[in-house]
mmCIF file of all heavy atoms, coordinates in Angstrom:
data_MODEL
# 
_entry.id   MODEL 
# 
loop_
_atom_site.group_PDB 
_atom_site.id 
_atom_site.type_symbol 
_atom_site.label_atom_id 
_atom_site.label_alt_id 
_atom_site.label_comp_id 
_atom_site.label_asym_id 
_atom_site.label_entity_id 
_atom_site.label_seq_id 
_atom_site.pdbx_PDB_ins_code 
_atom_site.Cartn_x 
_atom_site.Cartn_y 
_atom_site.Cartn_z 
_atom_site.occupancy 
_atom_site.B_iso_or_equiv 
_atom_site.pdbx_formal_charge 
_atom_site.auth_seq_id 
_atom_site.auth_comp_id 
_atom_site.auth_asym_id 
_atom_site.auth_atom_id 
_atom_site.pdbx_PDB_model_num 
ATOM 1   N N   . ASN A 1 1  ? 182.972 -60.988 -35.684 1.00 0.00 ? 1  ASN A N   1 
ATOM 2   C CA  . ASN A 1 1  ? 184.098 -60.533 -34.880 1.00 0.00 ? 1  ASN A CA  1 
ATOM 3   C C   . ASN A 1 1  ? 184.758 -59.334 -35.572 1.00 0.00 ? 1  ASN A C   1 
ATOM 4   O O   . ASN A 1 1  ? 184.159 -58.277 -35.674 1.00 0.00 ? 1  ASN A O   1 
ATOM 5   C CB  . ASN A 1 1  ? 185.072 -61.680 -34.648 1.00 0.00 ? 1  ASN A CB  1 
ATOM 6   C CG  . ASN A 1 1  ? 184.460 -62.812 -33.837 1.00 0.00 ? 1  ASN A CG  1 
ATOM 7   O OD1 . ASN A 1 1  ? 183.790 -62.577 -32.832 1.00 0.00 ? 1  ASN A OD1 1 
ATOM 8   N ND2 . ASN A 1 1  ? 184.686 -64.046 -34.261 1.00 0.00 ? 1  ASN A ND2 1 
ATOM 9   N N   . VAL A 1 2  ? 185.973 -59.509 -36.050 1.00 0.00 ? 2  VAL A N   1 
ATOM 10  C CA  . VAL A 1 2  ? 186.671 -58.430 -36.733 1.00 0.00 ? 2  VAL A CA  1 
ATOM 11  C C   . VAL A 1 2  ? 186.099 -58.235 -38.131 1.00 0.00 ? 2  VAL A C   1 
ATOM 12  O O   . VAL A 1 2  ? 185.782 -59.201 -38.824 1.00 0.00 ? 2  VAL A O   1 
ATOM 13  C CB  . VAL A 1 2  ? 188.180 -58.716 -36.804 1.00 0.00 ? 2  VAL A CB  1 
ATOM 14  C CG1 . VAL A 1 2  ? 188.898 -57.653 -37.631 1.00 0.00 ? 2  VAL A CG1 1 
ATOM 15  C CG2 . VAL A 1 2  ? 188.775 -58.773 -35.411 1.00 0.00 ? 2  VAL A CG2 1 
ATOM 16  N N   . MET A 1 3  ? 185.968 -56.988 -38.552 1.00 0.00 ? 3  MET A N   1 
ATOM 17  C CA  . MET A 1 3  ? 185.614 -56.623 -39.910 1.00 0.00 ? 3  MET A CA  1 
ATOM 18  C C   . MET A 1 3  ? 186.730 -55.738 -40.449 1.00 0.00 ? 3  MET A C   1 
ATOM 19  O O   . MET A 1 3  ? 187.307 -54.949 -39.698 1.00 0.00 ? 3  MET A O   1 
ATOM 20  C CB  . MET A 1 3  ? 184.283 -55.870 -39.965 1.00 0.00 ? 3  MET A CB  1 
ATOM 21  C CG  . MET A 1 3  ? 183.145 -56.570 -39.253 1.00 0.00 ? 3  MET A CG  1 
ATOM 22  S SD  . MET A 1 3  ? 181.568 -55.682 -39.382 1.00 0.00 ? 3  MET A SD  1 
ATOM 23  C CE  . MET A 1 3  ? 181.092 -56.111 -41.065 1.00 0.00 ? 3  MET A CE  1 
ATOM 24  N N   . GLY A 1 4  ? 187.023 -55.876 -41.736 1.00 0.00 ? 4  GLY A N   1 
ATOM 25  C CA  . GLY A 1 4  ? 188.112 -55.080 -42.269 1.00 0.00 ? 4  GLY A CA  1 
ATOM 26  C C   . GLY A 1 4  ? 188.065 -54.922 -43.771 1.00 0.00 ? 4  GLY A C   1 
ATOM 27  O O   . GLY A 1 4  ? 187.218 -55.492 -44.459 1.00 0.00 ? 4  GLY A O   1 
ATOM 28  N N   . TRP A 1 5  ? 188.995 -54.112 -44.247 1.00 0.00 ? 5  TRP A N   1 
ATOM 29  C CA  . TRP A 1 5  ? 189.168 -53.859 -45.661 1.00 0.00 ? 5  TRP A CA  1 
ATOM 30  C C   . TRP A 1 5  ? 190.607 -54.144 -46.059 1.00 0.00 ? 5  TRP A C   1 
ATOM 31  O O   . TRP A 1 5  ? 191.550 -53.706 -45.390 1.00 0.00 ? 5  TRP A O   1 
ATOM 32  C CB  . TRP A 1 5  ? 188.833 -52.409 -46.012 1.00 0.00 ? 5  TRP A CB  1 
ATOM 33  C CG  . TRP A 1 5  ? 187.380 -52.079 -45.898 1.00 0.00 ? 5  TRP A CG  1 
ATOM 34  C CD1 . TRP A 1 5  ? 186.727 -51.564 -44.826 1.00 0.00 ? 5  TRP A CD1 1 
ATOM 35  C CD2 . TRP A 1 5  ? 186.392 -52.267 -46.913 1.00 0.00 ? 5  TRP A CD2 1 
ATOM 36  N NE1 . TRP A 1 5  ? 185.393 -51.394 -45.097 1.00 0.00 ? 5  TRP A NE1 1 
ATOM 37  C CE2 . TRP A 1 5  ? 185.157 -51.825 -46.377 1.00 0.00 ? 5  TRP A CE2 1 
ATOM 38  C CE3 . TRP A 1 5  ? 186.420 -52.748 -48.218 1.00 0.00 ? 5  TRP A CE3 1 
ATOM 39  C CZ2 . TRP A 1 5  ? 183.972 -51.859 -47.109 1.00 0.00 ? 5  TRP A CZ2 1 
ATOM 40  C CZ3 . TRP A 1 5  ? 185.244 -52.787 -48.943 1.00 0.00 ? 5  TRP A CZ3 1 
ATOM 41  C CH2 . TRP A 1 5  ? 184.044 -52.345 -48.390 1.00 0.00 ? 5  TRP A CH2 1 
ATOM 42  N N   . TYR A 1 6  ? 190.759 -54.880 -47.135 1.00 0.00 ? 6  TYR A N   1 
ATOM 43  C CA  . TYR A 1 6  ? 192.043 -55.120 -47.768 1.00 0.00 ? 6  TYR A CA  1 
ATOM 44  C C   . TYR A 1 6  ? 192.015 -54.513 -49.156 1.00 0.00 ? 6  TYR A C   1 
ATOM 45  O O   . TYR A 1 6  ? 190.951 -54.205 -49.695 1.00 0.00 ? 6  TYR A O   1 
ATOM 46  C CB  . TYR A 1 6  ? 192.334 -56.618 -47.869 1.00 0.00 ? 6  TYR A CB  1 
ATOM 47  C CG  . TYR A 1 6  ? 192.605 -57.302 -46.544 1.00 0.00 ? 6  TYR A CG  1 
ATOM 48  C CD1 . TYR A 1 6  ? 191.582 -57.530 -45.632 1.00 0.00 ? 6  TYR A CD1 1 
ATOM 49  C CD2 . TYR A 1 6  ? 193.888 -57.735 -46.216 1.00 0.00 ? 6  TYR A CD2 1 
ATOM 50  C CE1 . TYR A 1 6  ? 191.824 -58.163 -44.419 1.00 0.00 ? 6  TYR A CE1 1 
ATOM 51  C CE2 . TYR A 1 6  ? 194.143 -58.375 -45.014 1.00 0.00 ? 6  TYR A CE2 1 
ATOM 52  C CZ  . TYR A 1 6  ? 193.097 -58.585 -44.124 1.00 0.00 ? 6  TYR A CZ  1 
ATOM 53  O OH  . TYR A 1 6  ? 193.355 -59.225 -42.931 1.00 0.00 ? 6  TYR A OH  1 
ATOM 54  N N   . ARG A 1 7  ? 193.187 -54.346 -49.740 1.00 0.00 ? 7  ARG A N   1 
ATOM 55  C CA  . ARG A 1 7  ? 193.240 -53.868 -51.115 1.00 0.00 ? 7  ARG A CA  1 
ATOM 56  C C   . ARG A 1 7  ? 194.373 -54.549 -51.857 1.00 0.00 ? 7  ARG A C   1 
ATOM 57  O O   . ARG A 1 7  ? 195.357 -54.977 -51.261 1.00 0.00 ? 7  ARG A O   1 
ATOM 58  C CB  . ARG A 1 7  ? 193.398 -52.349 -51.182 1.00 0.00 ? 7  ARG A CB  1 
ATOM 59  C CG  . ARG A 1 7  ? 194.741 -51.816 -50.692 1.00 0.00 ? 7  ARG A CG  1 
ATOM 60  C CD  . ARG A 1 7  ? 194.719 -50.294 -50.680 1.00 0.00 ? 7  ARG A CD  1 
ATOM 61  N NE  . ARG A 1 7  ? 195.987 -49.737 -50.238 1.00 0.00 ? 7  ARG A NE  1 
ATOM 62  C CZ  . ARG A 1 7  ? 196.199 -48.444 -50.008 1.00 0.00 ? 7  ARG A CZ  1 
ATOM 63  N NH1 . ARG A 1 7  ? 195.208 -47.573 -50.180 1.00 0.00 ? 7  ARG A NH1 1 
ATOM 64  N NH2 . ARG A 1 7  ? 197.390 -48.021 -49.610 1.00 0.00 ? 7  ARG A NH2 1 
ATOM 65  N N   . GLN A 1 8  ? 194.211 -54.642 -53.159 1.00 0.00 ? 8  GLN A N   1 
ATOM 66  C CA  . GLN A 1 8  ? 195.226 -55.222 -54.016 1.00 0.00 ? 8  GLN A CA  1 
ATOM 67  C C   . GLN A 1 8  ? 195.372 -54.346 -55.255 1.00 0.00 ? 8  GLN A C   1 
ATOM 68  O O   . GLN A 1 8  ? 194.446 -54.238 -56.056 1.00 0.00 ? 8  GLN A O   1 
ATOM 69  C CB  . GLN A 1 8  ? 194.880 -56.654 -54.410 1.00 0.00 ? 8  GLN A CB  1 
ATOM 70  C CG  . GLN A 1 8  ? 195.989 -57.355 -55.161 1.00 0.00 ? 8  GLN A CG  1 
ATOM 71  C CD  . GLN A 1 8  ? 195.774 -58.859 -55.246 1.00 0.00 ? 8  GLN A CD  1 
ATOM 72  O OE1 . GLN A 1 8  ? 194.656 -59.344 -55.076 1.00 0.00 ? 8  GLN A OE1 1 
ATOM 73  N NE2 . GLN A 1 8  ? 196.836 -59.594 -55.488 1.00 0.00 ? 8  GLN A NE2 1 
ATOM 74  N N   . ALA A 1 9  ? 196.530 -53.725 -55.380 1.00 0.00 ? 9  ALA A N   1 
ATOM 75  C CA  . ALA A 1 9  ? 196.840 -52.900 -56.531 1.00 0.00 ? 9  ALA A CA  1 
ATOM 76  C C   . ALA A 1 9  ? 197.419 -53.767 -57.638 1.00 0.00 ? 9  ALA A C   1 
ATOM 77  O O   . ALA A 1 9  ? 197.930 -54.862 -57.377 1.00 0.00 ? 9  ALA A O   1 
ATOM 78  C CB  . ALA A 1 9  ? 197.821 -51.802 -56.143 1.00 0.00 ? 9  ALA A CB  1 
ATOM 79  N N   . PRO A 1 10 ? 197.365 -53.293 -58.878 1.00 0.00 ? 10 PRO A N   1 
ATOM 80  C CA  . PRO A 1 10 ? 197.921 -54.077 -59.982 1.00 0.00 ? 10 PRO A CA  1 
ATOM 81  C C   . PRO A 1 10 ? 199.387 -54.434 -59.755 1.00 0.00 ? 10 PRO A C   1 
ATOM 82  O O   . PRO A 1 10 ? 200.204 -53.566 -59.450 1.00 0.00 ? 10 PRO A O   1 
ATOM 83  C CB  . PRO A 1 10 ? 197.760 -53.150 -61.187 1.00 0.00 ? 10 PRO A CB  1 
ATOM 84  C CG  . PRO A 1 10 ? 196.603 -52.276 -60.830 1.00 0.00 ? 10 PRO A CG  1 
ATOM 85  C CD  . PRO A 1 10 ? 196.723 -52.060 -59.350 1.00 0.00 ? 10 PRO A CD  1 
ATOM 86  N N   . GLY A 1 11 ? 199.692 -55.711 -59.882 1.00 0.00 ? 11 GLY A N   1 
ATOM 87  C CA  . GLY A 1 11 ? 201.056 -56.173 -59.726 1.00 0.00 ? 11 GLY A CA  1 
ATOM 88  C C   . GLY A 1 11 ? 201.552 -56.270 -58.298 1.00 0.00 ? 11 GLY A C   1 
ATOM 89  O O   . GLY A 1 11 ? 202.735 -56.557 -58.083 1.00 0.00 ? 11 GLY A O   1 
ATOM 90  N N   . LYS A 1 12 ? 200.686 -56.031 -57.329 1.00 0.00 ? 12 LYS A N   1 
ATOM 91  C CA  . LYS A 1 12 ? 201.082 -56.070 -55.932 1.00 0.00 ? 12 LYS A CA  1 
ATOM 92  C C   . LYS A 1 12 ? 200.271 -57.106 -55.167 1.00 0.00 ? 12 LYS A C   1 
ATOM 93  O O   . LYS A 1 12 ? 199.230 -57.567 -55.630 1.00 0.00 ? 12 LYS A O   1 
ATOM 94  C CB  . LYS A 1 12 ? 200.912 -54.694 -55.282 1.00 0.00 ? 12 LYS A CB  1 
ATOM 95  C CG  . LYS A 1 12 ? 201.783 -53.600 -55.876 1.00 0.00 ? 12 LYS A CG  1 
ATOM 96  C CD  . LYS A 1 12 ? 201.616 -52.299 -55.125 1.00 0.00 ? 12 LYS A CD  1 
ATOM 97  C CE  . LYS A 1 12 ? 202.504 -51.213 -55.684 1.00 0.00 ? 12 LYS A CE  1 
ATOM 98  N NZ  . LYS A 1 12 ? 202.334 -49.935 -54.939 1.00 0.00 ? 12 LYS A NZ  1 
ATOM 99  N N   . GLU A 1 13 ? 200.766 -57.458 -53.987 1.00 0.00 ? 13 GLU A N   1 
ATOM 100 C CA  . GLU A 1 13 ? 200.059 -58.388 -53.131 1.00 0.00 ? 13 GLU A CA  1 
ATOM 101 C C   . GLU A 1 13 ? 198.953 -57.676 -52.356 1.00 0.00 ? 13 GLU A C   1 
ATOM 102 O O   . GLU A 1 13 ? 198.998 -56.464 -52.143 1.00 0.00 ? 13 GLU A O   1 
ATOM 103 C CB  . GLU A 1 13 ? 201.027 -59.062 -52.156 1.00 0.00 ? 13 GLU A CB  1 
ATOM 104 C CG  . GLU A 1 13 ? 202.064 -59.955 -52.823 1.00 0.00 ? 13 GLU A CG  1 
ATOM 105 C CD  . GLU A 1 13 ? 202.930 -60.682 -51.820 1.00 0.00 ? 13 GLU A CD  1 
ATOM 106 O OE1 . GLU A 1 13 ? 202.853 -60.374 -50.625 1.00 0.00 ? 13 GLU A OE1 1 
ATOM 107 O OE2 . GLU A 1 13 ? 203.691 -61.576 -52.243 1.00 0.00 ? 13 GLU A OE2 1 
ATOM 108 N N   . ARG A 1 14 ? 197.986 -58.456 -51.938 1.00 0.00 ? 14 ARG A N   1 
ATOM 109 C CA  . ARG A 1 14 ? 196.905 -57.915 -51.129 1.00 0.00 ? 14 ARG A CA  1 
ATOM 110 C C   . ARG A 1 14 ? 197.434 -57.458 -49.777 1.00 0.00 ? 14 ARG A C   1 
ATOM 111 O O   . ARG A 1 14 ? 198.255 -58.137 -49.151 1.00 0.00 ? 14 ARG A O   1 
ATOM 112 C CB  . ARG A 1 14 ? 195.818 -58.976 -50.945 1.00 0.00 ? 14 ARG A CB  1 
ATOM 113 C CG  . ARG A 1 14 ? 194.579 -58.500 -50.204 1.00 0.00 ? 14 ARG A CG  1 
ATOM 114 C CD  . ARG A 1 14 ? 193.517 -59.576 -50.209 1.00 0.00 ? 14 ARG A CD  1 
ATOM 115 N NE  . ARG A 1 14 ? 194.001 -60.814 -49.611 1.00 0.00 ? 14 ARG A NE  1 
ATOM 116 C CZ  . ARG A 1 14 ? 193.356 -61.970 -49.636 1.00 0.00 ? 14 ARG A CZ  1 
ATOM 117 N NH1 . ARG A 1 14 ? 192.170 -62.047 -50.242 1.00 0.00 ? 14 ARG A NH1 1 
ATOM 118 N NH2 . ARG A 1 14 ? 193.873 -63.039 -49.068 1.00 0.00 ? 14 ARG A NH2 1 
ATOM 119 N N   . GLU A 1 15 ? 196.964 -56.311 -49.318 1.00 0.00 ? 15 GLU A N   1 
ATOM 120 C CA  . GLU A 1 15 ? 197.417 -55.772 -48.055 1.00 0.00 ? 15 GLU A CA  1 
ATOM 121 C C   . GLU A 1 15 ? 196.243 -55.297 -47.217 1.00 0.00 ? 15 GLU A C   1 
ATOM 122 O O   . GLU A 1 15 ? 195.209 -54.878 -47.746 1.00 0.00 ? 15 GLU A O   1 
ATOM 123 C CB  . GLU A 1 15 ? 198.393 -54.610 -48.277 1.00 0.00 ? 15 GLU A CB  1 
ATOM 124 C CG  . GLU A 1 15 ? 197.766 -53.405 -48.965 1.00 0.00 ? 15 GLU A CG  1 
ATOM 125 C CD  . GLU A 1 15 ? 198.720 -52.226 -49.077 1.00 0.00 ? 15 GLU A CD  1 
ATOM 126 O OE1 . GLU A 1 15 ? 199.819 -52.288 -48.508 1.00 0.00 ? 15 GLU A OE1 1 
ATOM 127 O OE2 . GLU A 1 15 ? 198.349 -51.229 -49.747 1.00 0.00 ? 15 GLU A OE2 1 
ATOM 128 N N   . LEU A 1 16 ? 196.425 -55.343 -45.921 1.00 0.00 ? 16 LEU A N   1 
ATOM 129 C CA  . LEU A 1 16 ? 195.410 -54.849 -44.999 1.00 0.00 ? 16 LEU A CA  1 
ATOM 130 C C   . LEU A 1 16 ? 195.400 -53.326 -45.016 1.00 0.00 ? 16 LEU A C   1 
ATOM 131 O O   . LEU A 1 16 ? 196.444 -52.688 -44.882 1.00 0.00 ? 16 LEU A O   1 
ATOM 132 C CB  . LEU A 1 16 ? 195.681 -55.348 -43.586 1.00 0.00 ? 16 LEU A CB  1 
ATOM 133 C CG  . LEU A 1 16 ? 194.763 -54.812 -42.487 1.00 0.00 ? 16 LEU A CG  1 
ATOM 134 C CD1 . LEU A 1 16 ? 193.338 -55.322 -42.688 1.00 0.00 ? 16 LEU A CD1 1 
ATOM 135 C CD2 . LEU A 1 16 ? 195.277 -55.201 -41.114 1.00 0.00 ? 16 LEU A CD2 1 
ATOM 136 N N   . VAL A 1 17 ? 194.220 -52.758 -45.166 1.00 0.00 ? 17 VAL A N   1 
ATOM 137 C CA  . VAL A 1 17 ? 194.048 -51.313 -45.129 1.00 0.00 ? 17 VAL A CA  1 
ATOM 138 C C   . VAL A 1 17 ? 193.596 -50.870 -43.745 1.00 0.00 ? 17 VAL A C   1 
ATOM 139 O O   . VAL A 1 17 ? 194.182 -49.967 -43.138 1.00 0.00 ? 17 VAL A O   1 
ATOM 140 C CB  . VAL A 1 17 ? 193.036 -50.842 -46.187 1.00 0.00 ? 17 VAL A CB  1 
ATOM 141 C CG1 . VAL A 1 17 ? 192.822 -49.333 -46.097 1.00 0.00 ? 17 VAL A CG1 1 
ATOM 142 C CG2 . VAL A 1 17 ? 193.511 -51.235 -47.579 1.00 0.00 ? 17 VAL A CG2 1 
ATOM 143 N N   . ALA A 1 18 ? 192.541 -51.480 -43.251 1.00 0.00 ? 18 ALA A N   1 
ATOM 144 C CA  . ALA A 1 18 ? 191.991 -51.126 -41.951 1.00 0.00 ? 18 ALA A CA  1 
ATOM 145 C C   . ALA A 1 18 ? 191.159 -52.278 -41.427 1.00 0.00 ? 18 ALA A C   1 
ATOM 146 O O   . ALA A 1 18 ? 190.597 -53.048 -42.196 1.00 0.00 ? 18 ALA A O   1 
ATOM 147 C CB  . ALA A 1 18 ? 191.142 -49.849 -42.033 1.00 0.00 ? 18 ALA A CB  1 
ATOM 148 N N   . ALA A 1 19 ? 191.080 -52.382 -40.116 1.00 0.00 ? 19 ALA A N   1 
ATOM 149 C CA  . ALA A 1 19 ? 190.261 -53.393 -39.475 1.00 0.00 ? 19 ALA A CA  1 
ATOM 150 C C   . ALA A 1 19 ? 189.643 -52.802 -38.220 1.00 0.00 ? 19 ALA A C   1 
ATOM 151 O O   . ALA A 1 19 ? 190.185 -51.857 -37.639 1.00 0.00 ? 19 ALA A O   1 
ATOM 152 C CB  . ALA A 1 19 ? 191.083 -54.635 -39.130 1.00 0.00 ? 19 ALA A CB  1 
ATOM 153 N N   . ILE A 1 20 ? 188.526 -53.376 -37.816 1.00 0.00 ? 20 ILE A N   1 
ATOM 154 C CA  . ILE A 1 20 ? 187.832 -52.883 -36.635 1.00 0.00 ? 20 ILE A CA  1 
ATOM 155 C C   . ILE A 1 20 ? 187.257 -54.066 -35.874 1.00 0.00 ? 20 ILE A C   1 
ATOM 156 O O   . ILE A 1 20 ? 186.658 -54.970 -36.453 1.00 0.00 ? 20 ILE A O   1 
ATOM 157 C CB  . ILE A 1 20 ? 186.745 -51.851 -37.023 1.00 0.00 ? 20 ILE A CB  1 
ATOM 158 C CG1 . ILE A 1 20 ? 186.131 -51.215 -35.775 1.00 0.00 ? 20 ILE A CG1 1 
ATOM 159 C CG2 . ILE A 1 20 ? 185.685 -52.473 -37.925 1.00 0.00 ? 20 ILE A CG2 1 
ATOM 160 C CD1 . ILE A 1 20 ? 185.302 -49.977 -36.099 1.00 0.00 ? 20 ILE A CD1 1 
ATOM 161 N N   . THR A 1 21 ? 187.446 -54.067 -34.569 1.00 0.00 ? 21 THR A N   1 
ATOM 162 C CA  . THR A 1 21 ? 186.993 -55.164 -33.737 1.00 0.00 ? 21 THR A CA  1 
ATOM 163 C C   . THR A 1 21 ? 185.509 -55.030 -33.430 1.00 0.00 ? 21 THR A C   1 
ATOM 164 O O   . THR A 1 21 ? 184.868 -54.029 -33.741 1.00 0.00 ? 21 THR A O   1 
ATOM 165 C CB  . THR A 1 21 ? 187.781 -55.217 -32.426 1.00 0.00 ? 21 THR A CB  1 
ATOM 166 O OG1 . THR A 1 21 ? 187.463 -54.059 -31.639 1.00 0.00 ? 21 THR A OG1 1 
ATOM 167 C CG2 . THR A 1 21 ? 189.280 -55.248 -32.686 1.00 0.00 ? 21 THR A CG2 1 
ATOM 168 N N   . SER A 1 22 ? 184.969 -56.050 -32.790 1.00 0.00 ? 22 SER A N   1 
ATOM 169 C CA  . SER A 1 22 ? 183.569 -56.006 -32.393 1.00 0.00 ? 22 SER A CA  1 
ATOM 170 C C   . SER A 1 22 ? 183.297 -54.898 -31.389 1.00 0.00 ? 22 SER A C   1 
ATOM 171 O O   . SER A 1 22 ? 182.163 -54.431 -31.281 1.00 0.00 ? 22 SER A O   1 
ATOM 172 C CB  . SER A 1 22 ? 183.134 -57.354 -31.810 1.00 0.00 ? 22 SER A CB  1 
ATOM 173 O OG  . SER A 1 22 ? 183.910 -57.689 -30.670 1.00 0.00 ? 22 SER A OG  1 
ATOM 174 N N   . GLY A 1 23 ? 184.325 -54.479 -30.677 1.00 0.00 ? 23 GLY A N   1 
ATOM 175 C CA  . GLY A 1 23 ? 184.214 -53.366 -29.755 1.00 0.00 ? 23 GLY A CA  1 
ATOM 176 C C   . GLY A 1 23 ? 184.550 -52.027 -30.370 1.00 0.00 ? 23 GLY A C   1 
ATOM 177 O O   . GLY A 1 23 ? 184.723 -51.048 -29.640 1.00 0.00 ? 23 GLY A O   1 
ATOM 178 N N   . SER A 1 24 ? 184.680 -51.991 -31.696 1.00 0.00 ? 24 SER A N   1 
ATOM 179 C CA  . SER A 1 24 ? 184.924 -50.770 -32.475 1.00 0.00 ? 24 SER A CA  1 
ATOM 180 C C   . SER A 1 24 ? 186.308 -50.187 -32.239 1.00 0.00 ? 24 SER A C   1 
ATOM 181 O O   . SER A 1 24 ? 186.506 -48.972 -32.331 1.00 0.00 ? 24 SER A O   1 
ATOM 182 C CB  . SER A 1 24 ? 183.849 -49.716 -32.192 1.00 0.00 ? 24 SER A CB  1 
ATOM 183 O OG  . SER A 1 24 ? 182.579 -50.170 -32.610 1.00 0.00 ? 24 SER A OG  1 
ATOM 184 N N   . SER A 1 25 ? 187.281 -51.038 -31.964 1.00 0.00 ? 25 SER A N   1 
ATOM 185 C CA  . SER A 1 25 ? 188.665 -50.604 -31.868 1.00 0.00 ? 25 SER A CA  1 
ATOM 186 C C   . SER A 1 25 ? 189.313 -50.734 -33.242 1.00 0.00 ? 25 SER A C   1 
ATOM 187 O O   . SER A 1 25 ? 189.406 -51.844 -33.772 1.00 0.00 ? 25 SER A O   1 
ATOM 188 C CB  . SER A 1 25 ? 189.426 -51.434 -30.846 1.00 0.00 ? 25 SER A CB  1 
ATOM 189 O OG  . SER A 1 25 ? 190.776 -51.033 -30.769 1.00 0.00 ? 25 SER A OG  1 
ATOM 190 N N   . PRO A 1 26 ? 189.774 -49.618 -33.842 1.00 0.00 ? 26 PRO A N   1 
ATOM 191 C CA  . PRO A 1 26 ? 190.295 -49.667 -35.215 1.00 0.00 ? 26 PRO A CA  1 
ATOM 192 C C   . PRO A 1 26 ? 191.809 -49.801 -35.287 1.00 0.00 ? 26 PRO A C   1 
ATOM 193 O O   . PRO A 1 26 ? 192.536 -49.416 -34.367 1.00 0.00 ? 26 PRO A O   1 
ATOM 194 C CB  . PRO A 1 26 ? 189.858 -48.316 -35.784 1.00 0.00 ? 26 PRO A CB  1 
ATOM 195 C CG  . PRO A 1 26 ? 189.972 -47.391 -34.603 1.00 0.00 ? 26 PRO A CG  1 
ATOM 196 C CD  . PRO A 1 26 ? 189.607 -48.216 -33.392 1.00 0.00 ? 26 PRO A CD  1 
ATOM 197 N N   . ASN A 1 27 ? 192.258 -50.336 -36.405 1.00 0.00 ? 27 ASN A N   1 
ATOM 198 C CA  . ASN A 1 27 ? 193.667 -50.370 -36.754 1.00 0.00 ? 27 ASN A CA  1 
ATOM 199 C C   . ASN A 1 27 ? 193.808 -49.998 -38.221 1.00 0.00 ? 27 ASN A C   1 
ATOM 200 O O   . ASN A 1 27 ? 192.970 -50.374 -39.042 1.00 0.00 ? 27 ASN A O   1 
ATOM 201 C CB  . ASN A 1 27 ? 194.275 -51.750 -36.502 1.00 0.00 ? 27 ASN A CB  1 
ATOM 202 C CG  . ASN A 1 27 ? 194.449 -52.051 -35.035 1.00 0.00 ? 27 ASN A CG  1 
ATOM 203 O OD1 . ASN A 1 27 ? 195.311 -51.490 -34.379 1.00 0.00 ? 27 ASN A OD1 1 
ATOM 204 N ND2 . ASN A 1 27 ? 193.617 -52.942 -34.509 1.00 0.00 ? 27 ASN A ND2 1 
ATOM 205 N N   . TYR A 1 28 ? 194.887 -49.275 -38.550 1.00 0.00 ? 28 TYR A N   1 
ATOM 206 C CA  . TYR A 1 28 ? 195.085 -48.789 -39.907 1.00 0.00 ? 28 TYR A CA  1 
ATOM 207 C C   . TYR A 1 28 ? 196.492 -49.078 -40.394 1.00 0.00 ? 28 TYR A C   1 
ATOM 208 O O   . TYR A 1 28 ? 197.448 -49.085 -39.612 1.00 0.00 ? 28 TYR A O   1 
ATOM 209 C CB  . TYR A 1 28 ? 194.859 -47.280 -39.992 1.00 0.00 ? 28 TYR A CB  1 
ATOM 210 C CG  . TYR A 1 28 ? 193.478 -46.831 -39.607 1.00 0.00 ? 28 TYR A CG  1 
ATOM 211 C CD1 . TYR A 1 28 ? 193.202 -46.387 -38.324 1.00 0.00 ? 28 TYR A CD1 1 
ATOM 212 C CD2 . TYR A 1 28 ? 192.446 -46.842 -40.540 1.00 0.00 ? 28 TYR A CD2 1 
ATOM 213 C CE1 . TYR A 1 28 ? 191.935 -45.970 -37.968 1.00 0.00 ? 28 TYR A CE1 1 
ATOM 214 C CE2 . TYR A 1 28 ? 191.172 -46.427 -40.198 1.00 0.00 ? 28 TYR A CE2 1 
ATOM 215 C CZ  . TYR A 1 28 ? 190.921 -45.990 -38.905 1.00 0.00 ? 28 TYR A CZ  1 
ATOM 216 O OH  . TYR A 1 28 ? 189.655 -45.574 -38.566 1.00 0.00 ? 28 TYR A OH  1 
ATOM 217 N N   . ALA A 1 29 ? 196.602 -49.286 -41.698 1.00 0.00 ? 29 ALA A N   1 
ATOM 218 C CA  . ALA A 1 29 ? 197.912 -49.307 -42.313 1.00 0.00 ? 29 ALA A CA  1 
ATOM 219 C C   . ALA A 1 29 ? 198.522 -47.914 -42.228 1.00 0.00 ? 29 ALA A C   1 
ATOM 220 O O   . ALA A 1 29 ? 197.812 -46.903 -42.278 1.00 0.00 ? 29 ALA A O   1 
ATOM 221 C CB  . ALA A 1 29 ? 197.815 -49.748 -43.767 1.00 0.00 ? 29 ALA A CB  1 
ATOM 222 N N   . ASP A 1 30 ? 199.841 -47.855 -42.093 1.00 0.00 ? 30 ASP A N   1 
ATOM 223 C CA  . ASP A 1 30 ? 200.504 -46.561 -41.977 1.00 0.00 ? 30 ASP A CA  1 
ATOM 224 C C   . ASP A 1 30 ? 200.209 -45.649 -43.167 1.00 0.00 ? 30 ASP A C   1 
ATOM 225 O O   . ASP A 1 30 ? 200.125 -44.431 -43.012 1.00 0.00 ? 30 ASP A O   1 
ATOM 226 C CB  . ASP A 1 30 ? 202.010 -46.753 -41.839 1.00 0.00 ? 30 ASP A CB  1 
ATOM 227 C CG  . ASP A 1 30 ? 202.407 -47.326 -40.490 1.00 0.00 ? 30 ASP A CG  1 
ATOM 228 O OD1 . ASP A 1 30 ? 201.607 -47.230 -39.539 1.00 0.00 ? 30 ASP A OD1 1 
ATOM 229 O OD2 . ASP A 1 30 ? 203.527 -47.865 -40.387 1.00 0.00 ? 30 ASP A OD2 1 
ATOM 230 N N   . SER A 1 31 ? 200.041 -46.230 -44.331 1.00 0.00 ? 31 SER A N   1 
ATOM 231 C CA  . SER A 1 31 ? 199.852 -45.452 -45.539 1.00 0.00 ? 31 SER A CA  1 
ATOM 232 C C   . SER A 1 31 ? 198.514 -44.707 -45.584 1.00 0.00 ? 31 SER A C   1 
ATOM 233 O O   . SER A 1 31 ? 198.358 -43.781 -46.380 1.00 0.00 ? 31 SER A O   1 
ATOM 234 C CB  . SER A 1 31 ? 199.969 -46.348 -46.772 1.00 0.00 ? 31 SER A CB  1 
ATOM 235 O OG  . SER A 1 31 ? 199.004 -47.383 -46.741 1.00 0.00 ? 31 SER A OG  1 
# 
């Protein structure tokens, strides 16, 4: 289904970077 990338910087919580649906609809973090 959905595939995505998260990231975790030192001392910070894991956050969503980008995700893409099975229909190739993407979503991105504002940063």
